[in-house]
Each structure stands twice: as structure tokens, then as C-alpha cells.
Amino acid sequence: MMNETSQEQPRFIYQQQQLDQLQQQQQQQSQQLQHHGIVRRDVLPAGFQEPEDIEITTSLIKKAPEPRLAIGVSQNGKRVTGDLTVTPGTPLTMEITLDQESAPIYGLGVNYLEVTDTRLLSETIIFKGCTVDPYLFENFNTIDGDTLSAKFKAFKFPDSSYVQFRATVNVCLDKCLGTQCSNGQIGYGRRRRDTSDAMMTPLMDTNKVYEISLAMFIKINDLEGVNRNEVLRLEEKLRELKLANQRLARNSRGHFEEPLVKTFEQLPLSVPAFVVDEKELEDARNAVNAITSTGAVILSIILTVLCKFL
């Protein structure tokens, strides 16, 4: 018995020493974890549930720059100023640009463009992004979305050497949508893309954030030696432009007849783009000429009768 007791005592002491060492190791590990701010739990608390949706209460807000636009007209790459002589029929290019800070963020689209003699006469030449008369003024186009350009011929009204252009420009996030014009062309005012893609998009720019009005003057000098045939052609085109505006007024149910300066933000967005029909214009001109000729014949008969009585 004494021998068995003496043998078990060293074994018990050895096991106790191992248990003490294990407890010391656990205490050291626990102290290290607590030092790093981590508490290890073997079992989750009773009733613990992990939420399925996590609400994020922190948000990051950045401010975009306010866009600044510039408008100008150039002749053979040179900006038209008082130093350049511009005559009727001169090929010109109108450019509308964004400032460098805003260019990576926004895109442009010309909605309306009105021409006026600054007195009584004024006509709309770009309507809902499309040209009304491509001979006088072509559609605006763009490559990078930051600069819009359109080619046109210099023209003026009969009683004034000055022409004022008044534009309504949409500023959109990234880019403005193109407009499907009725002559088969796309009035871009945005980055180029496939024509079929543009035909599937609505007319209204849903990402429009600004609508800005711009205006500028150019002086047209009617000098001797100017091609008179070209001048007469431009005058005829101005008369056609007036007829086209009258038709636009009818299609717009009266909204179009209000002054464009007043209604930059009030013109209906649902009005379809329009390009004048040459056949209808020819019919209208013939009707006017017929009325004029009939009036001249009647006046001649009246004068003949009066002469007989006198």
C-alpha cells in the first residue's frame, strides 16, 4: 500500500503542474487579446441575432462646379470681331463651349436659337434641337460633348446690318440626348453615338440640370461686289423661314407665337422637331404670287374704267 501511495503522489504532482502551466498560458493569451482590444467569446449571448439589412448612416457629398458657357462665331478659323468684314453668304461657324473645369462633368445641347434684327423682326432657326432651314443654319454637332458647333451662312434682315442670336442651351450631367429630326438627321448637341440608339431615346433630357440663355451680335456688311444672286437667295430663304415659323406656331397651338425671350423656360417639351417641307413652301409661294397677280389685274381694270369716265 505504501508503495502504491508513493507512486501515485508524484503522478498527481506532475498532473497538477501541467494544469497550472495550462492555466498560465490561457491567462497570458487572454491578457494579450485584451491588450489588442479584442475579447474572445466562446459562446454568443442568448437571443443574439445578426441584422439582415445594415443601414449606413455616413454619406459622402461632393459639389460639382457651376458651368460657364461661351458663344462665338468664327470665319475660316478666326473669331469674328470688328476687324473682320462679313458679307451676306459668307460661310461661318458658331461655337458654344463649356469652361475647362466643367467640361469633364457636363454635356451641352442647344434647344432653341432665335435670330432677330433687334427691332421688330425675329425668327426661330433652331427648334427643339433641330434646324428649321439647313440652308441658312445647319444642325449643331459635337465630338467631345464640351463644344457644340454649327455651320451657317451670314445673312441679315432688310433694315438692319446687325443680327442678334439668342440661344437656349441645356446643360446635362455627362451628356445631353440627341434629337431625331424629321429630315433624317440627328441634332446632337452631345457626344456622338449610333443613330439607331438616338432614335430610341425620348426628346426630353432627363439628366438636364441647367438651362442657360446666351446672346451675341454680328455685323453683316452689304458691300458692292457681293454676289447678288446669293443675296437674293438668302432673302428668299428668310421668307421661307418666316413661313416655317408660322407653321411651327400652328403646330404648337399658339405657344410658339409668344416672344422667345420670355418663353425660354415655358416652351412645351412635347412638340416634335420640325424641318420645313420644300413642296409646301413652293405651294405657299405660288398661292401668294397668284393673289398678288389677281390683285394687280383688278387694279388695272379699275384704273381703265376710271380713265374712260374721266
C-alpha atoms as a PDB file:
ATOM      1  CA  MET A   1       0.000   0.000   0.000  1.00  0.00           C
ATOM      2  CA  MET A   2       2.770   2.403   0.896  1.00  0.00           C
ATOM      3  CA  ASN A   3       4.453   1.729  -2.430  1.00  0.00           C
ATOM      4  CA  GLU A   4       1.260   2.389  -4.422  1.00  0.00           C
ATOM      5  CA  THR A   5       0.627   5.624  -2.492  1.00  0.00           C
ATOM      6  CA  SER A   6       4.177   6.791  -3.039  1.00  0.00           C
ATOM      7  CA  GLN A   7       3.860   6.106  -6.792  1.00  0.00           C
ATOM      8  CA  GLU A   8       0.534   7.979  -7.200  1.00  0.00           C
ATOM      9  CA  GLN A   9       1.785  11.086  -5.346  1.00  0.00           C
ATOM     10  CA  PRO A  10       4.465  12.063  -7.915  1.00  0.00           C
ATOM     11  CA  ARG A  11       1.935  11.421 -10.733  1.00  0.00           C
ATOM     12  CA  PHE A  12      -0.598  13.768  -9.076  1.00  0.00           C
ATOM     13  CA  ILE A  13       2.037  16.449  -8.576  1.00  0.00           C
ATOM     14  CA  TYR A  14       3.020  16.166 -12.254  1.00  0.00           C
ATOM     15  CA  GLN A  15      -0.597  16.499 -13.430  1.00  0.00           C
ATOM     16  CA  GLN A  16      -1.103  19.494 -11.149  1.00  0.00           C
ATOM     17  CA  GLN A  17       1.977  21.161 -12.606  1.00  0.00           C
ATOM     18  CA  GLN A  18       0.661  20.622 -16.160  1.00  0.00           C
ATOM     19  CA  LEU A  19      -2.707  22.086 -15.173  1.00  0.00           C
ATOM     20  CA  ASP A  20      -1.009  25.122 -13.632  1.00  0.00           C
ATOM     21  CA  GLN A  21       1.066  25.660 -16.779  1.00  0.00           C
ATOM     22  CA  LEU A  22      -2.051  25.396 -18.971  1.00  0.00           C
ATOM     23  CA  GLN A  23      -3.880  27.965 -16.840  1.00  0.00           C
ATOM     24  CA  GLN A  24      -0.881  30.324 -17.014  1.00  0.00           C
ATOM     25  CA  GLN A  25      -0.810  30.025 -20.821  1.00  0.00           C
ATOM     26  CA  GLN A  26      -4.543  30.780 -21.021  1.00  0.00           C
ATOM     27  CA  GLN A  27      -4.113  33.818 -18.781  1.00  0.00           C
ATOM     28  CA  GLN A  28      -1.236  35.112 -20.929  1.00  0.00           C
ATOM     29  CA  GLN A  29      -3.271  34.670 -24.122  1.00  0.00           C
ATOM     30  CA  SER A  30      -6.250  36.411 -22.542  1.00  0.00           C
ATOM     31  CA  GLN A  31      -4.059  39.339 -21.476  1.00  0.00           C
ATOM     32  CA  GLN A  32      -2.613  39.640 -24.990  1.00  0.00           C
ATOM     33  CA  LEU A  33      -6.086  39.662 -26.578  1.00  0.00           C
ATOM     34  CA  GLN A  34      -7.354  42.267 -24.126  1.00  0.00           C
ATOM     35  CA  HIS A  35      -4.273  44.394 -24.817  1.00  0.00           C
ATOM     36  CA  HIS A  36      -5.226  44.488 -28.521  1.00  0.00           C
ATOM     37  CA  GLY A  37      -8.823  45.413 -27.746  1.00  0.00           C
ATOM     38  CA  ILE A  38     -10.238  42.020 -28.749  1.00  0.00           C
ATOM     39  CA  VAL A  39     -12.379  39.921 -26.441  1.00  0.00           C
ATOM     40  CA  ARG A  40     -12.834  36.320 -27.418  1.00  0.00           C
ATOM     41  CA  ARG A  41     -16.153  34.713 -26.631  1.00  0.00           C
ATOM     42  CA  ASP A  42     -16.689  31.024 -26.948  1.00  0.00           C
ATOM     43  CA  VAL A  43     -20.494  31.316 -26.978  1.00  0.00           C
ATOM     44  CA  LEU A  44     -22.741  34.081 -28.414  1.00  0.00           C
ATOM     45  CA  PRO A  45     -25.068  35.797 -25.936  1.00  0.00           C
ATOM     46  CA  ALA A  46     -28.556  34.412 -25.550  1.00  0.00           C
ATOM     47  CA  GLY A  47     -31.043  35.870 -28.063  1.00  0.00           C
ATOM     48  CA  PHE A  48     -28.293  37.259 -30.348  1.00  0.00           C
ATOM     49  CA  GLN A  49     -29.470  37.989 -33.941  1.00  0.00           C
ATOM     50  CA  GLU A  50     -27.449  39.425 -36.819  1.00  0.00           C
ATOM     51  CA  PRO A  51     -29.448  42.033 -38.818  1.00  0.00           C
ATOM     52  CA  GLU A  52     -30.181  41.182 -42.452  1.00  0.00           C
ATOM     53  CA  ASP A  53     -30.044  44.843 -43.623  1.00  0.00           C
ATOM     54  CA  ILE A  54     -27.289  47.139 -42.430  1.00  0.00           C
ATOM     55  CA  GLU A  55     -28.108  50.852 -42.504  1.00  0.00           C
ATOM     56  CA  ILE A  56     -25.211  53.105 -43.494  1.00  0.00           C
ATOM     57  CA  THR A  57     -25.566  56.464 -41.804  1.00  0.00           C
ATOM     58  CA  THR A  58     -22.413  58.067 -43.203  1.00  0.00           C
ATOM     59  CA  SER A  59     -22.567  59.693 -46.666  1.00  0.00           C
ATOM     60  CA  LEU A  60     -20.006  61.457 -48.849  1.00  0.00           C
ATOM     61  CA  ILE A  61     -21.117  64.670 -50.562  1.00  0.00           C
ATOM     62  CA  LYS A  62     -19.120  66.411 -53.318  1.00  0.00           C
ATOM     63  CA  LYS A  63     -20.018  69.653 -55.076  1.00  0.00           C
ATOM     64  CA  ALA A  64     -19.859  69.988 -58.852  1.00  0.00           C
ATOM     65  CA  PRO A  65     -18.705  73.301 -60.343  1.00  0.00           C
ATOM     66  CA  GLU A  66     -21.256  75.708 -61.770  1.00  0.00           C
ATOM     67  CA  PRO A  67     -20.941  75.583 -65.586  1.00  0.00           C
ATOM     68  CA  ARG A  68     -19.809  78.639 -67.512  1.00  0.00           C
ATOM     69  CA  LEU A  69     -20.604  78.881 -71.224  1.00  0.00           C
ATOM     70  CA  ALA A  70     -19.135  80.945 -74.041  1.00  0.00           C
ATOM     71  CA  ILE A  71     -20.556  81.619 -77.511  1.00  0.00           C
ATOM     72  CA  GLY A  72     -18.735  82.903 -80.578  1.00  0.00           C
ATOM     73  CA  VAL A  73     -18.686  82.945 -84.387  1.00  0.00           C
ATOM     74  CA  SER A  74     -15.620  82.232 -86.497  1.00  0.00           C
ATOM     75  CA  GLN A  75     -14.719  82.726 -90.158  1.00  0.00           C
ATOM     76  CA  ASN A  76     -12.043  80.396 -91.551  1.00  0.00           C
ATOM     77  CA  GLY A  77     -10.915  79.614 -88.005  1.00  0.00           C
ATOM     78  CA  LYS A  78     -10.700  83.284 -86.932  1.00  0.00           C
ATOM     79  CA  ARG A  79     -13.097  84.722 -84.374  1.00  0.00           C
ATOM     80  CA  VAL A  80     -15.461  87.282 -85.938  1.00  0.00           C
ATOM     81  CA  THR A  81     -14.834  90.713 -84.407  1.00  0.00           C
ATOM     82  CA  GLY A  82     -14.959  94.276 -85.652  1.00  0.00           C
ATOM     83  CA  ASP A  83     -11.719  93.672 -87.561  1.00  0.00           C
ATOM     84  CA  LEU A  84     -13.266  91.113 -89.931  1.00  0.00           C
ATOM     85  CA  THR A  85     -15.643  92.085 -92.733  1.00  0.00           C
ATOM     86  CA  VAL A  86     -18.581  89.704 -93.031  1.00  0.00           C
ATOM     87  CA  THR A  87     -20.803  89.900 -96.115  1.00  0.00           C
ATOM     88  CA  PRO A  88     -24.059  88.057 -96.901  1.00  0.00           C
ATOM     89  CA  GLY A  89     -23.399  84.442 -97.843  1.00  0.00           C
ATOM     90  CA  THR A  90     -20.057  84.205 -96.013  1.00  0.00           C
ATOM     91  CA  PRO A  91     -19.588  80.675 -94.548  1.00  0.00           C
ATOM     92  CA  LEU A  92     -19.409  80.972 -90.756  1.00  0.00           C
ATOM     93  CA  THR A  93     -19.270  78.614 -87.777  1.00  0.00           C
ATOM     94  CA  MET A  94     -20.966  79.175 -84.433  1.00  0.00           C
ATOM     95  CA  GLU A  95     -19.387  77.546 -81.370  1.00  0.00           C
ATOM     96  CA  ILE A  96     -20.747  77.117 -77.844  1.00  0.00           C
ATOM     97  CA  THR A  97     -18.242  75.827 -75.286  1.00  0.00           C
ATOM     98  CA  LEU A  98     -18.009  74.779 -71.638  1.00  0.00           C
ATOM     99  CA  ASP A  99     -15.244  76.010 -69.362  1.00  0.00           C
ATOM    100  CA  GLN A 100     -12.382  73.581 -68.649  1.00  0.00           C
ATOM    101  CA  GLU A 101     -13.434  72.887 -65.052  1.00  0.00           C
ATOM    102  CA  SER A 102     -16.999  71.917 -66.010  1.00  0.00           C
ATOM    103  CA  ALA A 103     -16.183  70.070 -69.248  1.00  0.00           C
ATOM    104  CA  PRO A 104     -15.464  66.622 -67.663  1.00  0.00           C
ATOM    105  CA  ILE A 105     -18.785  66.704 -65.767  1.00  0.00           C
ATOM    106  CA  TYR A 106     -21.385  68.208 -68.111  1.00  0.00           C
ATOM    107  CA  GLY A 107     -22.554  67.998 -71.712  1.00  0.00           C
ATOM    108  CA  LEU A 108     -24.360  70.568 -73.882  1.00  0.00           C
ATOM    109  CA  GLY A 109     -27.394  70.623 -76.140  1.00  0.00           C
ATOM    110  CA  VAL A 110     -28.903  73.599 -77.989  1.00  0.00           C
ATOM    111  CA  ASN A 111     -32.655  73.608 -77.525  1.00  0.00           C
ATOM    112  CA  TYR A 112     -33.660  76.842 -79.302  1.00  0.00           C
ATOM    113  CA  LEU A 113     -31.905  79.504 -81.356  1.00  0.00           C
ATOM    114  CA  GLU A 114     -33.610  82.744 -82.366  1.00  0.00           C
ATOM    115  CA  VAL A 115     -32.312  85.351 -84.832  1.00  0.00           C
ATOM    116  CA  THR A 116     -33.511  88.950 -84.685  1.00  0.00           C
ATOM    117  CA  ASP A 117     -32.716  92.371 -86.121  1.00  0.00           C
ATOM    118  CA  THR A 118     -33.011  93.730 -82.529  1.00  0.00           C
ATOM    119  CA  ARG A 119     -36.069  95.727 -83.611  1.00  0.00           C
ATOM    120  CA  LEU A 120     -39.275  94.062 -84.742  1.00  0.00           C
ATOM    121  CA  LEU A 121     -38.232  91.060 -86.820  1.00  0.00           C
ATOM    122  CA  SER A 122     -37.281  87.769 -85.175  1.00  0.00           C
ATOM    123  CA  GLU A 123     -37.416  84.151 -86.300  1.00  0.00           C
ATOM    124  CA  THR A 124     -36.570  80.826 -84.670  1.00  0.00           C
ATOM    125  CA  ILE A 125     -33.953  78.891 -86.621  1.00  0.00           C
ATOM    126  CA  ILE A 126     -33.266  76.001 -84.184  1.00  0.00           C
ATOM    127  CA  PHE A 127     -36.386  74.419 -82.702  1.00  0.00           C
ATOM    128  CA  LYS A 128     -36.180  71.564 -80.169  1.00  0.00           C
ATOM    129  CA  GLY A 129     -32.596  70.868 -81.211  1.00  0.00           C
ATOM    130  CA  CYS A 130     -33.291  70.726 -84.974  1.00  0.00           C
ATOM    131  CA  THR A 131     -32.687  73.283 -87.686  1.00  0.00           C
ATOM    132  CA  VAL A 132     -35.733  74.839 -89.328  1.00  0.00           C
ATOM    133  CA  ASP A 133     -33.781  75.675 -92.510  1.00  0.00           C
ATOM    134  CA  PRO A 134     -30.483  73.793 -93.060  1.00  0.00           C
ATOM    135  CA  TYR A 135     -29.524  76.114 -95.932  1.00  0.00           C
ATOM    136  CA  LEU A 136     -29.300  79.067 -93.555  1.00  0.00           C
ATOM    137  CA  PHE A 137     -28.178  77.214 -90.428  1.00  0.00           C
ATOM    138  CA  GLU A 138     -27.149  73.562 -90.046  1.00  0.00           C
ATOM    139  CA  ASN A 139     -27.726  71.318 -87.022  1.00  0.00           C
ATOM    140  CA  PHE A 140     -25.383  71.660 -84.075  1.00  0.00           C
ATOM    141  CA  ASN A 141     -22.898  68.820 -83.747  1.00  0.00           C
ATOM    142  CA  THR A 142     -20.168  67.755 -81.349  1.00  0.00           C
ATOM    143  CA  ILE A 143     -17.275  65.342 -80.969  1.00  0.00           C
ATOM    144  CA  ASP A 144     -16.335  65.558 -77.293  1.00  0.00           C
ATOM    145  CA  GLY A 145     -19.602  66.908 -75.859  1.00  0.00           C
ATOM    146  CA  ASP A 146     -17.873  70.003 -74.456  1.00  0.00           C
ATOM    147  CA  THR A 147     -18.022  72.110 -77.631  1.00  0.00           C
ATOM    148  CA  LEU A 148     -21.000  72.443 -79.967  1.00  0.00           C
ATOM    149  CA  SER A 149     -20.542  73.792 -83.487  1.00  0.00           C
ATOM    150  CA  ALA A 150     -22.856  74.560 -86.390  1.00  0.00           C
ATOM    151  CA  LYS A 151     -22.106  75.900 -89.864  1.00  0.00           C
ATOM    152  CA  PHE A 152     -24.252  78.662 -91.324  1.00  0.00           C
ATOM    153  CA  LYS A 153     -24.286  81.374 -93.970  1.00  0.00           C
ATOM    154  CA  ALA A 154     -24.090  85.016 -92.973  1.00  0.00           C
ATOM    155  CA  PHE A 155     -27.442  86.719 -93.527  1.00  0.00           C
ATOM    156  CA  LYS A 156     -29.194  89.842 -92.353  1.00  0.00           C
ATOM    157  CA  PHE A 157     -32.633  91.373 -92.216  1.00  0.00           C
ATOM    158  CA  PRO A 158     -33.562  94.084 -94.779  1.00  0.00           C
ATOM    159  CA  ASP A 159     -33.494  97.111 -92.470  1.00  0.00           C
ATOM    160  CA  SER A 160     -30.542  96.326 -90.203  1.00  0.00           C
ATOM    161  CA  SER A 161     -26.878  95.410 -90.556  1.00  0.00           C
ATOM    162  CA  TYR A 162     -26.831  93.712 -87.145  1.00  0.00           C
ATOM    163  CA  VAL A 163     -28.063  90.212 -86.379  1.00  0.00           C
ATOM    164  CA  GLN A 164     -28.519  89.021 -82.826  1.00  0.00           C
ATOM    165  CA  PHE A 165     -28.500  85.323 -81.940  1.00  0.00           C
ATOM    166  CA  ARG A 166     -30.330  84.221 -78.785  1.00  0.00           C
ATOM    167  CA  ALA A 167     -29.769  80.621 -77.730  1.00  0.00           C
ATOM    168  CA  THR A 168     -31.287  78.378 -75.076  1.00  0.00           C
ATOM    169  CA  VAL A 169     -28.718  75.761 -74.087  1.00  0.00           C
ATOM    170  CA  ASN A 170     -29.343  72.668 -71.966  1.00  0.00           C
ATOM    171  CA  VAL A 171     -26.544  71.639 -69.603  1.00  0.00           C
ATOM    172  CA  CYS A 172     -26.786  67.943 -68.693  1.00  0.00           C
ATOM    173  CA  LEU A 173     -24.829  65.589 -66.468  1.00  0.00           C
ATOM    174  CA  ASP A 174     -22.283  63.764 -68.635  1.00  0.00           C
ATOM    175  CA  LYS A 175     -24.111  64.356 -71.934  1.00  0.00           C
ATOM    176  CA  CYS A 176     -27.382  65.579 -73.432  1.00  0.00           C
ATOM    177  CA  LEU A 177     -29.534  63.318 -75.570  1.00  0.00           C
ATOM    178  CA  GLY A 178     -29.625  63.793 -79.320  1.00  0.00           C
ATOM    179  CA  THR A 179     -32.831  64.765 -81.134  1.00  0.00           C
ATOM    180  CA  GLN A 180     -34.223  62.820 -84.083  1.00  0.00           C
ATOM    181  CA  CYS A 181     -35.025  65.469 -86.693  1.00  0.00           C
ATOM    182  CA  SER A 182     -37.692  64.986 -89.346  1.00  0.00           C
ATOM    183  CA  ASN A 183     -35.200  65.326 -92.201  1.00  0.00           C
ATOM    184  CA  GLY A 184     -33.422  62.137 -91.080  1.00  0.00           C
ATOM    185  CA  GLN A 185     -30.545  63.921 -89.348  1.00  0.00           C
ATOM    186  CA  ILE A 186     -29.657  63.891 -85.658  1.00  0.00           C
ATOM    187  CA  GLY A 187     -29.457  67.206 -83.832  1.00  0.00           C
ATOM    188  CA  TYR A 188     -26.781  66.099 -81.440  1.00  0.00           C
ATOM    189  CA  GLY A 189     -25.641  68.771 -79.027  1.00  0.00           C
ATOM    190  CA  ARG A 190     -23.926  65.858 -77.272  1.00  0.00           C
ATOM    191  CA  ARG A 191     -21.269  63.173 -77.696  1.00  0.00           C
ATOM    192  CA  ARG A 192     -21.582  61.183 -80.908  1.00  0.00           C
ATOM    193  CA  ARG A 193     -23.271  57.794 -80.759  1.00  0.00           C
ATOM    194  CA  ASP A 194     -25.157  55.396 -83.016  1.00  0.00           C
ATOM    195  CA  THR A 195     -28.117  56.880 -84.867  1.00  0.00           C
ATOM    196  CA  SER A 196     -30.404  53.947 -84.051  1.00  0.00           C
ATOM    197  CA  ASP A 197     -29.633  54.432 -80.361  1.00  0.00           C
ATOM    198  CA  ALA A 198     -30.608  58.092 -80.544  1.00  0.00           C
ATOM    199  CA  MET A 199     -33.916  57.232 -82.241  1.00  0.00           C
ATOM    200  CA  MET A 200     -34.895  55.097 -79.244  1.00  0.00           C
ATOM    201  CA  THR A 201     -34.440  57.916 -76.733  1.00  0.00           C
ATOM    202  CA  PRO A 202     -37.073  60.476 -75.667  1.00  0.00           C
ATOM    203  CA  LEU A 203     -36.841  64.107 -76.729  1.00  0.00           C
ATOM    204  CA  MET A 204     -36.586  65.426 -73.181  1.00  0.00           C
ATOM    205  CA  ASP A 205     -33.198  65.344 -71.437  1.00  0.00           C
ATOM    206  CA  THR A 206     -33.958  63.662 -68.114  1.00  0.00           C
ATOM    207  CA  ASN A 207     -30.481  64.489 -66.809  1.00  0.00           C
ATOM    208  CA  LYS A 208     -30.720  68.217 -67.577  1.00  0.00           C
ATOM    209  CA  VAL A 209     -29.508  70.267 -64.616  1.00  0.00           C
ATOM    210  CA  TYR A 210     -29.261  73.780 -66.104  1.00  0.00           C
ATOM    211  CA  GLU A 211     -30.934  75.808 -68.861  1.00  0.00           C
ATOM    212  CA  ILE A 212     -28.819  78.808 -69.843  1.00  0.00           C
ATOM    213  CA  SER A 213     -29.606  81.706 -72.196  1.00  0.00           C
ATOM    214  CA  LEU A 214     -26.827  83.137 -74.373  1.00  0.00           C
ATOM    215  CA  ALA A 215     -26.817  86.050 -76.819  1.00  0.00           C
ATOM    216  CA  MET A 216     -24.377  87.616 -79.272  1.00  0.00           C
ATOM    217  CA  PHE A 217     -24.281  90.126 -82.171  1.00  0.00           C
ATOM    218  CA  ILE A 218     -22.557  90.079 -85.528  1.00  0.00           C
ATOM    219  CA  LYS A 219     -22.470  92.829 -88.135  1.00  0.00           C
ATOM    220  CA  ILE A 220     -23.175  91.953 -91.771  1.00  0.00           C
ATOM    221  CA  ASN A 221     -21.848  94.460 -94.318  1.00  0.00           C
ATOM    222  CA  ASP A 222     -23.780  94.721 -97.585  1.00  0.00           C
ATOM    223  CA  LEU A 223     -20.901  95.899 -99.769  1.00  0.00           C
ATOM    224  CA  GLU A 224     -20.661  96.454-103.515  1.00  0.00           C
ATOM    225  CA  GLY A 225     -19.422  93.487-105.455  1.00  0.00           C
ATOM    226  CA  VAL A 226     -21.264  90.962-103.315  1.00  0.00           C
ATOM    227  CA  ASN A 227     -22.855  88.129-105.273  1.00  0.00           C
ATOM    228  CA  ARG A 228     -26.371  89.484-105.784  1.00  0.00           C
ATOM    229  CA  ASN A 229     -27.740  86.049-106.646  1.00  0.00           C
ATOM    230  CA  GLU A 230     -26.587  84.781-103.258  1.00  0.00           C
ATOM    231  CA  VAL A 231     -28.128  87.801-101.533  1.00  0.00           C
ATOM    232  CA  LEU A 232     -31.447  87.197-103.295  1.00  0.00           C
ATOM    233  CA  ARG A 233     -31.274  83.518-102.381  1.00  0.00           C
ATOM    234  CA  LEU A 234     -30.729  84.398 -98.709  1.00  0.00           C
ATOM    235  CA  GLU A 235     -33.630  86.839 -98.770  1.00  0.00           C
ATOM    236  CA  GLU A 236     -35.838  84.114-100.230  1.00  0.00           C
ATOM    237  CA  LYS A 237     -34.686  81.731 -97.504  1.00  0.00           C
ATOM    238  CA  LEU A 238     -35.574  84.299 -94.847  1.00  0.00           C
ATOM    239  CA  ARG A 239     -39.092  84.488 -96.269  1.00  0.00           C
ATOM    240  CA  GLU A 240     -39.284  80.693 -96.173  1.00  0.00           C
ATOM    241  CA  LEU A 241     -38.053  80.779 -92.582  1.00  0.00           C
ATOM    242  CA  LYS A 242     -40.919  83.092 -91.706  1.00  0.00           C
ATOM    243  CA  LEU A 243     -43.409  80.660 -93.285  1.00  0.00           C
ATOM    244  CA  ALA A 244     -41.834  77.781 -91.370  1.00  0.00           C
ATOM    245  CA  ASN A 245     -42.172  79.718 -88.114  1.00  0.00           C
ATOM    246  CA  GLN A 246     -45.843  80.329 -88.859  1.00  0.00           C
ATOM    247  CA  ARG A 247     -46.375  76.612 -89.308  1.00  0.00           C
ATOM    248  CA  LEU A 248     -44.490  75.889 -86.088  1.00  0.00           C
ATOM    249  CA  ALA A 249     -46.792  78.340 -84.336  1.00  0.00           C
ATOM    250  CA  ARG A 250     -49.828  76.410 -85.562  1.00  0.00           C
ATOM    251  CA  ASN A 251     -48.344  73.065 -84.513  1.00  0.00           C
ATOM    252  CA  SER A 252     -47.510  74.488 -81.089  1.00  0.00           C
ATOM    253  CA  ARG A 253     -51.125  75.640 -80.599  1.00  0.00           C
ATOM    254  CA  GLY A 254     -50.182  79.246 -80.025  1.00  0.00           C
ATOM    255  CA  HIS A 255     -47.307  78.771 -77.588  1.00  0.00           C
ATOM    256  CA  PHE A 256     -44.753  79.458 -80.288  1.00  0.00           C
ATOM    257  CA  GLU A 257     -46.147  82.921 -81.082  1.00  0.00           C
ATOM    258  CA  GLU A 258     -45.127  84.299 -77.689  1.00  0.00           C
ATOM    259  CA  PRO A 259     -41.783  86.153 -77.580  1.00  0.00           C
ATOM    260  CA  LEU A 260     -38.987  83.589 -77.370  1.00  0.00           C
ATOM    261  CA  VAL A 261     -37.040  85.645 -74.831  1.00  0.00           C
ATOM    262  CA  LYS A 262     -39.973  85.437 -72.455  1.00  0.00           C
ATOM    263  CA  THR A 263     -40.703  81.766 -73.021  1.00  0.00           C
ATOM    264  CA  PHE A 264     -37.239  80.168 -72.891  1.00  0.00           C
ATOM    265  CA  GLU A 265     -38.405  78.020 -69.952  1.00  0.00           C
ATOM    266  CA  GLN A 266     -42.085  77.801 -70.947  1.00  0.00           C
ATOM    267  CA  LEU A 267     -41.964  76.267 -74.433  1.00  0.00           C
ATOM    268  CA  PRO A 268     -43.627  72.818 -74.470  1.00  0.00           C
ATOM    269  CA  LEU A 269     -41.148  69.931 -74.366  1.00  0.00           C
ATOM    270  CA  SER A 270     -43.516  67.571 -76.201  1.00  0.00           C
ATOM    271  CA  VAL A 271     -43.538  69.496 -79.502  1.00  0.00           C
ATOM    272  CA  PRO A 272     -41.884  67.354 -82.225  1.00  0.00           C
ATOM    273  CA  ALA A 273     -38.854  68.632 -84.097  1.00  0.00           C
ATOM    274  CA  PHE A 274     -39.709  70.151 -87.485  1.00  0.00           C
ATOM    275  CA  VAL A 275     -37.917  70.820 -90.749  1.00  0.00           C
ATOM    276  CA  VAL A 276     -39.784  72.817 -93.380  1.00  0.00           C
ATOM    277  CA  ASP A 277     -41.237  70.887 -96.324  1.00  0.00           C
ATOM    278  CA  GLU A 278     -39.981  72.365 -99.610  1.00  0.00           C
ATOM    279  CA  LYS A 279     -43.112  71.356-101.581  1.00  0.00           C
ATOM    280  CA  GLU A 280     -45.453  73.041 -99.115  1.00  0.00           C
ATOM    281  CA  LEU A 281     -43.294  76.164 -99.212  1.00  0.00           C
ATOM    282  CA  GLU A 282     -43.457  76.193-103.015  1.00  0.00           C
ATOM    283  CA  ASP A 283     -47.256  75.848-102.898  1.00  0.00           C
ATOM    284  CA  ALA A 284     -47.468  78.684-100.387  1.00  0.00           C
ATOM    285  CA  ARG A 285     -45.277  80.927-102.570  1.00  0.00           C
ATOM    286  CA  ASN A 286     -47.389  80.162-105.649  1.00  0.00           C
ATOM    287  CA  ALA A 287     -50.562  80.978-103.741  1.00  0.00           C
ATOM    288  CA  VAL A 288     -49.129  84.314-102.620  1.00  0.00           C
ATOM    289  CA  ASN A 289     -47.982  85.112-106.171  1.00  0.00           C
ATOM    290  CA  ALA A 290     -51.433  84.211-107.558  1.00  0.00           C
ATOM    291  CA  ILE A 291     -53.144  86.516-105.079  1.00  0.00           C
ATOM    292  CA  THR A 292     -50.709  89.301-105.945  1.00  0.00           C
ATOM    293  CA  SER A 293     -51.270  88.831-109.705  1.00  0.00           C
ATOM    294  CA  THR A 294     -55.065  88.792-109.292  1.00  0.00           C
ATOM    295  CA  GLY A 295     -54.915  91.994-107.275  1.00  0.00           C
ATOM    296  CA  ALA A 296     -52.805  93.662-109.948  1.00  0.00           C
ATOM    297  CA  VAL A 297     -55.318  92.693-112.691  1.00  0.00           C
ATOM    298  CA  ILE A 298     -58.268  94.031-110.688  1.00  0.00           C
ATOM    299  CA  LEU A 299     -56.414  97.280-110.007  1.00  0.00           C
ATOM    300  CA  SER A 300     -55.635  97.628-113.742  1.00  0.00           C
ATOM    301  CA  ILE A 301     -59.331  97.174-114.678  1.00  0.00           C
ATOM    302  CA  ILE A 302     -60.417  99.775-112.125  1.00  0.00           C
ATOM    303  CA  LEU A 303     -57.885 102.286-113.437  1.00  0.00           C
ATOM    304  CA  THR A 304     -59.042 101.649-117.040  1.00  0.00           C
ATOM    305  CA  VAL A 305     -62.702 102.278-116.135  1.00  0.00           C
ATOM    306  CA  LEU A 306     -61.809 105.458-114.259  1.00  0.00           C
ATOM    307  CA  CYS A 307     -59.831 106.753-117.228  1.00  0.00           C
ATOM    308  CA  LYS A 308     -62.859 106.264-119.522  1.00  0.00           C
ATOM    309  CA  PHE A 309     -65.093 108.254-117.208  1.00  0.00           C
ATOM    310  CA  LEU A 310     -62.513 110.995-116.861  1.00  0.00           C
END
